[in-house]
N, C-alpha and C. Protein backbone atom coordinates (compact mmCIF):
# COMPACT_ATOMS: atom_id res chain seq x y z
N MET A 1 -89.61 76.91 39.30
CA MET A 1 -89.37 78.28 38.91
C MET A 1 -88.52 78.93 39.99
N LYS A 2 -87.49 79.62 39.58
CA LYS A 2 -86.63 80.31 40.53
C LYS A 2 -87.10 81.76 40.68
N PRO A 3 -87.64 82.10 41.87
CA PRO A 3 -88.14 83.46 42.06
C PRO A 3 -87.00 84.46 42.24
N HIS A 4 -87.31 85.71 42.04
CA HIS A 4 -86.37 86.82 42.28
C HIS A 4 -85.87 86.71 43.72
N ALA A 5 -84.60 86.98 43.92
CA ALA A 5 -83.98 86.81 45.23
C ALA A 5 -84.69 87.57 46.34
N SER A 6 -85.24 88.74 46.04
CA SER A 6 -85.87 89.53 47.09
C SER A 6 -87.36 89.24 47.26
N LEU A 7 -87.89 88.27 46.51
CA LEU A 7 -89.30 87.90 46.62
C LEU A 7 -89.51 87.09 47.90
N ASP A 8 -90.43 87.53 48.74
CA ASP A 8 -90.78 86.79 49.95
C ASP A 8 -91.78 85.71 49.54
N THR A 9 -91.25 84.58 49.13
CA THR A 9 -92.06 83.51 48.57
C THR A 9 -93.14 83.04 49.54
N GLN A 10 -92.80 82.93 50.82
CA GLN A 10 -93.79 82.45 51.78
C GLN A 10 -94.95 83.44 51.93
N ALA A 11 -94.64 84.73 51.96
CA ALA A 11 -95.71 85.74 52.04
C ALA A 11 -96.58 85.70 50.79
N VAL A 12 -95.95 85.48 49.64
CA VAL A 12 -96.70 85.39 48.38
C VAL A 12 -97.62 84.18 48.41
N ILE A 13 -97.12 83.04 48.84
CA ILE A 13 -97.93 81.82 48.90
C ILE A 13 -99.08 82.00 49.89
N THR A 14 -98.81 82.61 51.02
CA THR A 14 -99.86 82.87 52.01
C THR A 14 -100.95 83.75 51.41
N THR A 15 -100.56 84.79 50.71
CA THR A 15 -101.53 85.69 50.08
C THR A 15 -102.29 84.98 48.97
N LEU A 16 -101.59 84.20 48.16
CA LEU A 16 -102.27 83.44 47.10
C LEU A 16 -103.26 82.44 47.70
N ASN A 17 -102.92 81.83 48.82
CA ASN A 17 -103.86 80.91 49.46
C ASN A 17 -105.08 81.64 49.98
N ARG A 18 -104.91 82.83 50.50
CA ARG A 18 -106.06 83.64 50.94
C ARG A 18 -106.92 83.97 49.73
N ILE A 19 -106.30 84.31 48.61
CA ILE A 19 -107.03 84.59 47.38
C ILE A 19 -107.79 83.34 46.92
N LEU A 20 -107.13 82.21 46.95
CA LEU A 20 -107.77 80.94 46.57
C LEU A 20 -109.01 80.70 47.43
N GLU A 21 -108.87 80.88 48.73
CA GLU A 21 -110.00 80.67 49.63
C GLU A 21 -111.14 81.64 49.35
N LEU A 22 -110.81 82.90 49.07
CA LEU A 22 -111.84 83.90 48.74
C LEU A 22 -112.55 83.56 47.43
N GLU A 23 -111.78 83.13 46.45
CA GLU A 23 -112.39 82.79 45.16
C GLU A 23 -113.28 81.56 45.28
N LEU A 24 -112.86 80.58 46.07
CA LEU A 24 -113.71 79.41 46.29
C LEU A 24 -114.99 79.81 47.02
N ALA A 25 -114.87 80.72 47.96
CA ALA A 25 -116.06 81.24 48.65
C ALA A 25 -116.97 81.95 47.64
N GLY A 26 -116.37 82.64 46.69
CA GLY A 26 -117.16 83.30 45.65
C GLY A 26 -117.95 82.32 44.82
N VAL A 27 -117.36 81.17 44.53
CA VAL A 27 -118.08 80.14 43.78
C VAL A 27 -119.36 79.77 44.52
N VAL A 28 -119.23 79.47 45.79
CA VAL A 28 -120.36 79.04 46.61
C VAL A 28 -121.35 80.19 46.80
N ARG A 29 -120.82 81.35 47.15
CA ARG A 29 -121.66 82.52 47.44
C ARG A 29 -122.54 82.88 46.23
N TYR A 30 -121.92 83.05 45.06
CA TYR A 30 -122.69 83.47 43.89
C TYR A 30 -123.67 82.40 43.44
N LEU A 31 -123.29 81.14 43.57
CA LEU A 31 -124.21 80.07 43.19
C LEU A 31 -125.42 80.08 44.14
N HIS A 32 -125.16 80.22 45.43
CA HIS A 32 -126.24 80.29 46.42
C HIS A 32 -127.17 81.46 46.10
N TYR A 33 -126.58 82.62 45.86
CA TYR A 33 -127.41 83.78 45.53
C TYR A 33 -128.31 83.48 44.33
N SER A 34 -127.77 82.79 43.34
CA SER A 34 -128.56 82.52 42.13
C SER A 34 -129.79 81.67 42.44
N PHE A 35 -129.70 80.82 43.45
CA PHE A 35 -130.85 80.00 43.82
C PHE A 35 -131.94 80.82 44.52
N MET A 36 -131.53 81.93 45.12
CA MET A 36 -132.43 82.69 45.98
C MET A 36 -133.11 83.87 45.29
N VAL A 37 -132.94 84.00 43.99
CA VAL A 37 -133.55 85.11 43.27
C VAL A 37 -134.93 84.69 42.77
N PHE A 38 -135.90 85.55 43.05
CA PHE A 38 -137.27 85.32 42.61
C PHE A 38 -137.80 86.59 41.98
N GLY A 39 -138.83 86.46 41.20
CA GLY A 39 -139.46 87.64 40.60
C GLY A 39 -139.21 87.70 39.11
N HIS A 40 -139.73 88.75 38.51
CA HIS A 40 -139.71 88.84 37.04
C HIS A 40 -138.34 89.13 36.45
N HIS A 41 -137.35 89.46 37.26
CA HIS A 41 -135.98 89.67 36.76
C HIS A 41 -135.08 88.46 37.05
N ARG A 42 -135.67 87.37 37.47
CA ARG A 42 -134.91 86.19 37.89
C ARG A 42 -133.92 85.70 36.84
N ILE A 43 -134.36 85.51 35.61
CA ILE A 43 -133.51 84.87 34.60
C ILE A 43 -132.22 85.65 34.34
N PRO A 44 -132.26 86.93 34.04
CA PRO A 44 -130.98 87.62 33.80
C PRO A 44 -130.11 87.75 35.04
N ILE A 45 -130.73 87.92 36.20
CA ILE A 45 -129.94 88.05 37.43
C ILE A 45 -129.29 86.72 37.77
N CYS A 46 -130.03 85.62 37.66
CA CYS A 46 -129.45 84.29 37.91
C CYS A 46 -128.30 84.01 36.95
N ALA A 47 -128.48 84.36 35.69
CA ALA A 47 -127.42 84.14 34.71
C ALA A 47 -126.17 84.93 35.09
N TRP A 48 -126.33 86.18 35.51
CA TRP A 48 -125.18 87.00 35.91
C TRP A 48 -124.50 86.41 37.15
N LEU A 49 -125.29 86.00 38.14
CA LEU A 49 -124.72 85.42 39.35
C LEU A 49 -123.97 84.12 39.06
N ARG A 50 -124.52 83.30 38.20
CA ARG A 50 -123.85 82.03 37.87
C ARG A 50 -122.58 82.28 37.05
N ALA A 51 -122.58 83.31 36.23
CA ALA A 51 -121.36 83.69 35.51
C ALA A 51 -120.29 84.15 36.50
N GLN A 52 -120.71 84.86 37.54
CA GLN A 52 -119.76 85.29 38.57
C GLN A 52 -119.18 84.09 39.31
N SER A 53 -120.02 83.10 39.57
CA SER A 53 -119.57 81.86 40.21
C SER A 53 -118.54 81.15 39.34
N ASP A 54 -118.83 81.05 38.05
CA ASP A 54 -117.91 80.41 37.11
C ASP A 54 -116.58 81.16 37.05
N GLU A 55 -116.65 82.48 37.05
CA GLU A 55 -115.43 83.28 37.00
C GLU A 55 -114.61 83.11 38.27
N SER A 56 -115.28 83.02 39.42
CA SER A 56 -114.57 82.78 40.67
C SER A 56 -113.85 81.45 40.64
N ARG A 57 -114.49 80.45 40.05
CA ARG A 57 -113.84 79.14 39.92
C ARG A 57 -112.58 79.24 39.06
N ALA A 58 -112.67 79.95 37.95
CA ALA A 58 -111.51 80.13 37.08
C ALA A 58 -110.40 80.87 37.83
N HIS A 59 -110.76 81.87 38.61
CA HIS A 59 -109.76 82.62 39.38
C HIS A 59 -109.13 81.74 40.45
N ALA A 60 -109.92 80.85 41.04
CA ALA A 60 -109.38 79.91 42.04
C ALA A 60 -108.35 78.98 41.39
N VAL A 61 -108.66 78.52 40.20
CA VAL A 61 -107.72 77.64 39.48
C VAL A 61 -106.40 78.37 39.24
N GLU A 62 -106.48 79.61 38.78
CA GLU A 62 -105.26 80.40 38.53
C GLU A 62 -104.44 80.56 39.81
N ALA A 63 -105.11 80.91 40.90
CA ALA A 63 -104.40 81.10 42.17
C ALA A 63 -103.73 79.80 42.59
N GLY A 64 -104.44 78.69 42.50
CA GLY A 64 -103.87 77.39 42.88
C GLY A 64 -102.66 77.03 42.04
N GLU A 65 -102.74 77.29 40.76
CA GLU A 65 -101.60 77.00 39.88
C GLU A 65 -100.38 77.86 40.24
N HIS A 66 -100.61 79.12 40.57
CA HIS A 66 -99.49 79.98 40.98
C HIS A 66 -98.88 79.50 42.30
N ILE A 67 -99.72 79.03 43.20
CA ILE A 67 -99.22 78.52 44.48
C ILE A 67 -98.26 77.36 44.24
N THR A 68 -98.66 76.42 43.40
CA THR A 68 -97.79 75.28 43.17
C THR A 68 -96.56 75.65 42.35
N THR A 69 -96.68 76.63 41.48
CA THR A 69 -95.52 77.10 40.71
C THR A 69 -94.42 77.59 41.64
N PHE A 70 -94.81 78.22 42.73
CA PHE A 70 -93.83 78.77 43.66
C PHE A 70 -93.57 77.85 44.85
N GLY A 71 -93.93 76.57 44.69
CA GLY A 71 -93.56 75.56 45.68
C GLY A 71 -94.49 75.44 46.86
N GLY A 72 -95.66 76.07 46.78
CA GLY A 72 -96.59 76.01 47.90
C GLY A 72 -97.61 74.90 47.77
N HIS A 73 -98.44 74.79 48.77
CA HIS A 73 -99.49 73.78 48.83
C HIS A 73 -100.83 74.52 48.89
N PRO A 74 -101.68 74.36 47.86
CA PRO A 74 -102.96 75.06 47.85
C PRO A 74 -103.85 74.68 49.04
N SER A 75 -104.45 75.68 49.63
CA SER A 75 -105.33 75.49 50.77
C SER A 75 -106.58 74.71 50.37
N LEU A 76 -107.09 73.94 51.29
CA LEU A 76 -108.38 73.26 51.10
C LEU A 76 -109.50 74.02 51.79
N LYS A 77 -109.18 75.15 52.38
CA LYS A 77 -110.19 75.95 53.08
C LYS A 77 -110.98 76.78 52.08
N ILE A 78 -112.15 77.16 52.53
CA ILE A 78 -112.99 78.08 51.77
C ILE A 78 -113.15 79.32 52.63
N GLY A 79 -113.07 80.49 52.00
CA GLY A 79 -113.22 81.74 52.73
C GLY A 79 -114.55 81.81 53.46
N GLU A 80 -114.67 82.82 54.26
CA GLU A 80 -115.84 82.99 55.12
C GLU A 80 -117.14 83.03 54.31
N LEU A 81 -118.08 82.24 54.77
CA LEU A 81 -119.42 82.19 54.17
C LEU A 81 -120.44 82.40 55.27
N LEU A 82 -121.00 83.58 55.30
CA LEU A 82 -122.03 83.87 56.29
C LEU A 82 -123.38 83.88 55.61
N GLU A 83 -124.33 83.20 56.20
CA GLU A 83 -125.69 83.21 55.68
C GLU A 83 -126.44 84.32 56.39
N SER A 84 -126.71 85.38 55.68
CA SER A 84 -127.40 86.53 56.27
C SER A 84 -128.91 86.35 56.25
N HIS A 85 -129.40 85.41 55.44
CA HIS A 85 -130.83 85.19 55.22
C HIS A 85 -131.51 86.42 54.64
N LYS A 86 -130.71 87.27 54.00
CA LYS A 86 -131.25 88.44 53.30
C LYS A 86 -131.07 88.17 51.81
N HIS A 87 -132.18 87.99 51.10
CA HIS A 87 -132.07 87.59 49.71
C HIS A 87 -132.75 88.54 48.74
N ALA A 88 -133.08 89.72 49.21
CA ALA A 88 -133.54 90.74 48.27
C ALA A 88 -132.36 91.10 47.38
N ILE A 89 -132.62 91.49 46.16
CA ILE A 89 -131.55 91.79 45.21
C ILE A 89 -130.59 92.84 45.77
N ASP A 90 -131.11 93.87 46.41
CA ASP A 90 -130.23 94.89 47.00
C ASP A 90 -129.30 94.29 48.05
N ASP A 91 -129.82 93.39 48.87
CA ASP A 91 -129.00 92.74 49.89
C ASP A 91 -127.92 91.86 49.25
N ILE A 92 -128.29 91.12 48.23
CA ILE A 92 -127.33 90.28 47.52
C ILE A 92 -126.23 91.14 46.91
N LEU A 93 -126.61 92.23 46.28
CA LEU A 93 -125.61 93.11 45.67
C LEU A 93 -124.71 93.76 46.71
N ASN A 94 -125.27 94.13 47.86
CA ASN A 94 -124.44 94.69 48.92
C ASN A 94 -123.43 93.68 49.44
N GLU A 95 -123.87 92.44 49.63
CA GLU A 95 -122.95 91.39 50.08
C GLU A 95 -121.91 91.08 49.01
N ALA A 96 -122.32 91.07 47.76
CA ALA A 96 -121.38 90.82 46.66
C ALA A 96 -120.34 91.94 46.61
N HIS A 97 -120.77 93.16 46.79
CA HIS A 97 -119.86 94.31 46.78
C HIS A 97 -118.82 94.16 47.89
N GLU A 98 -119.26 93.80 49.07
CA GLU A 98 -118.34 93.60 50.19
C GLU A 98 -117.33 92.49 49.89
N HIS A 99 -117.82 91.40 49.33
CA HIS A 99 -116.94 90.27 48.98
C HIS A 99 -115.89 90.69 47.94
N GLU A 100 -116.31 91.44 46.94
CA GLU A 100 -115.39 91.89 45.90
C GLU A 100 -114.35 92.87 46.46
N GLU A 101 -114.75 93.71 47.39
CA GLU A 101 -113.81 94.64 48.03
C GLU A 101 -112.72 93.89 48.77
N ILE A 102 -113.09 92.82 49.46
CA ILE A 102 -112.12 92.01 50.20
C ILE A 102 -111.15 91.36 49.22
N GLY A 103 -111.67 90.82 48.13
CA GLY A 103 -110.82 90.22 47.11
C GLY A 103 -109.87 91.23 46.49
N LEU A 104 -110.38 92.41 46.19
CA LEU A 104 -109.54 93.48 45.62
C LEU A 104 -108.39 93.80 46.56
N ALA A 105 -108.67 93.89 47.83
CA ALA A 105 -107.61 94.19 48.81
C ALA A 105 -106.53 93.11 48.81
N GLU A 106 -106.91 91.86 48.68
CA GLU A 106 -105.92 90.77 48.66
C GLU A 106 -105.08 90.81 47.39
N TYR A 107 -105.71 91.10 46.25
CA TYR A 107 -104.94 91.21 45.01
C TYR A 107 -103.99 92.42 45.07
N ARG A 108 -104.41 93.50 45.68
CA ARG A 108 -103.51 94.66 45.85
C ARG A 108 -102.34 94.30 46.77
N LYS A 109 -102.62 93.52 47.80
CA LYS A 109 -101.56 93.06 48.70
C LYS A 109 -100.55 92.21 47.92
N LEU A 110 -101.07 91.32 47.08
CA LEU A 110 -100.19 90.49 46.25
C LEU A 110 -99.33 91.37 45.36
N LEU A 111 -99.93 92.35 44.71
CA LEU A 111 -99.17 93.24 43.84
C LEU A 111 -98.05 93.93 44.60
N ASP A 112 -98.33 94.39 45.80
CA ASP A 112 -97.30 95.03 46.62
C ASP A 112 -96.14 94.08 46.91
N LEU A 113 -96.45 92.80 47.12
CA LEU A 113 -95.42 91.81 47.43
C LEU A 113 -94.54 91.46 46.23
N VAL A 114 -95.10 91.53 45.02
CA VAL A 114 -94.39 91.00 43.86
C VAL A 114 -93.90 92.08 42.89
N LYS A 115 -94.29 93.32 43.10
CA LYS A 115 -93.93 94.39 42.16
C LYS A 115 -92.42 94.47 41.98
N ASP A 116 -92.00 94.45 40.73
CA ASP A 116 -90.59 94.49 40.33
C ASP A 116 -89.79 93.26 40.80
N LYS A 117 -90.50 92.18 41.18
CA LYS A 117 -89.82 90.96 41.64
C LYS A 117 -90.24 89.72 40.84
N SER A 118 -91.45 89.75 40.28
CA SER A 118 -91.94 88.63 39.47
C SER A 118 -92.91 89.19 38.45
N ILE A 119 -92.48 89.23 37.20
CA ILE A 119 -93.35 89.70 36.12
C ILE A 119 -94.60 88.83 36.04
N LEU A 120 -94.43 87.51 36.17
CA LEU A 120 -95.56 86.59 36.11
C LEU A 120 -96.63 86.97 37.12
N LEU A 121 -96.24 87.11 38.36
CA LEU A 121 -97.22 87.41 39.40
C LEU A 121 -97.67 88.87 39.38
N GLU A 122 -96.80 89.76 38.94
CA GLU A 122 -97.20 91.16 38.85
C GLU A 122 -98.29 91.33 37.78
N GLU A 123 -98.10 90.70 36.64
CA GLU A 123 -99.12 90.78 35.58
C GLU A 123 -100.42 90.10 36.02
N TYR A 124 -100.29 88.96 36.69
CA TYR A 124 -101.47 88.26 37.21
C TYR A 124 -102.23 89.16 38.19
N ALA A 125 -101.52 89.75 39.13
CA ALA A 125 -102.16 90.61 40.12
C ALA A 125 -102.85 91.80 39.45
N ARG A 126 -102.17 92.42 38.51
CA ARG A 126 -102.77 93.57 37.82
C ARG A 126 -104.04 93.17 37.06
N LYS A 127 -103.98 92.03 36.40
CA LYS A 127 -105.15 91.54 35.65
C LYS A 127 -106.32 91.29 36.61
N GLN A 128 -106.03 90.70 37.75
CA GLN A 128 -107.09 90.39 38.71
C GLN A 128 -107.63 91.66 39.37
N ILE A 129 -106.76 92.63 39.62
CA ILE A 129 -107.21 93.91 40.17
C ILE A 129 -108.16 94.57 39.19
N ALA A 130 -107.80 94.57 37.92
CA ALA A 130 -108.68 95.15 36.90
C ALA A 130 -110.03 94.42 36.87
N ALA A 131 -110.02 93.10 36.98
CA ALA A 131 -111.26 92.33 36.97
C ALA A 131 -112.11 92.67 38.19
N GLU A 132 -111.47 92.75 39.36
CA GLU A 132 -112.22 93.08 40.58
C GLU A 132 -112.78 94.50 40.51
N GLU A 133 -112.00 95.44 39.98
CA GLU A 133 -112.49 96.81 39.84
C GLU A 133 -113.68 96.85 38.87
N GLU A 134 -113.60 96.05 37.81
CA GLU A 134 -114.71 95.97 36.87
C GLU A 134 -115.96 95.41 37.54
N HIS A 135 -115.79 94.35 38.36
CA HIS A 135 -116.93 93.79 39.08
C HIS A 135 -117.55 94.82 40.01
N LEU A 136 -116.70 95.55 40.72
CA LEU A 136 -117.21 96.57 41.64
C LEU A 136 -117.96 97.66 40.89
N ALA A 137 -117.45 98.05 39.74
CA ALA A 137 -118.12 99.07 38.94
C ALA A 137 -119.48 98.57 38.47
N GLU A 138 -119.52 97.33 38.03
CA GLU A 138 -120.78 96.75 37.56
C GLU A 138 -121.79 96.64 38.69
N ILE A 139 -121.33 96.18 39.84
CA ILE A 139 -122.23 96.08 41.00
C ILE A 139 -122.72 97.47 41.40
N GLY A 140 -121.82 98.44 41.34
CA GLY A 140 -122.20 99.82 41.65
C GLY A 140 -123.31 100.31 40.73
N LYS A 141 -123.21 100.01 39.46
CA LYS A 141 -124.24 100.41 38.51
C LYS A 141 -125.56 99.69 38.80
N MET A 142 -125.46 98.42 39.18
CA MET A 142 -126.66 97.65 39.47
C MET A 142 -127.35 98.15 40.75
N ARG A 143 -126.56 98.68 41.67
CA ARG A 143 -127.12 99.19 42.94
C ARG A 143 -127.72 100.58 42.79
N LYS A 144 -127.34 101.27 41.73
CA LYS A 144 -127.76 102.66 41.53
C LYS A 144 -129.22 102.73 41.09
N ARG A 145 -129.90 103.68 41.64
CA ARG A 145 -131.29 103.91 41.25
C ARG A 145 -131.32 105.00 40.18
N SER A 146 -132.17 104.83 39.16
CA SER A 146 -132.24 105.82 38.09
C SER A 146 -132.91 107.09 38.53
């Protein structure tokens, strides 16, 4: 694929690799969280966390495919995974919120790099920003007390 002349392809690939690493970390993070949920709300919360893990995997695949489309080499690294040993639902949701905020920032960075230079990547970035904003809104509702 021939990118727009003013597209900084290396910066785009670097950002996409950071996104790939974050999404792979999301796979591990959400799956781990799902193992650590106990109590009478376990089943729906585990299902939601595992769905988030699956979605992170799908997002990682998309990022990797875009990296190779633009001539890059997908990273084998996984984003930061810190074990806080805090597994109360509120703690899990707080950590998930922080993780989603970091991902949102990277997708916004990508959008800034590609705006008016690659429709393919601009649409991808916008779609992912919307998904991350949706995740943050959902987590916000889950963290809210009635």
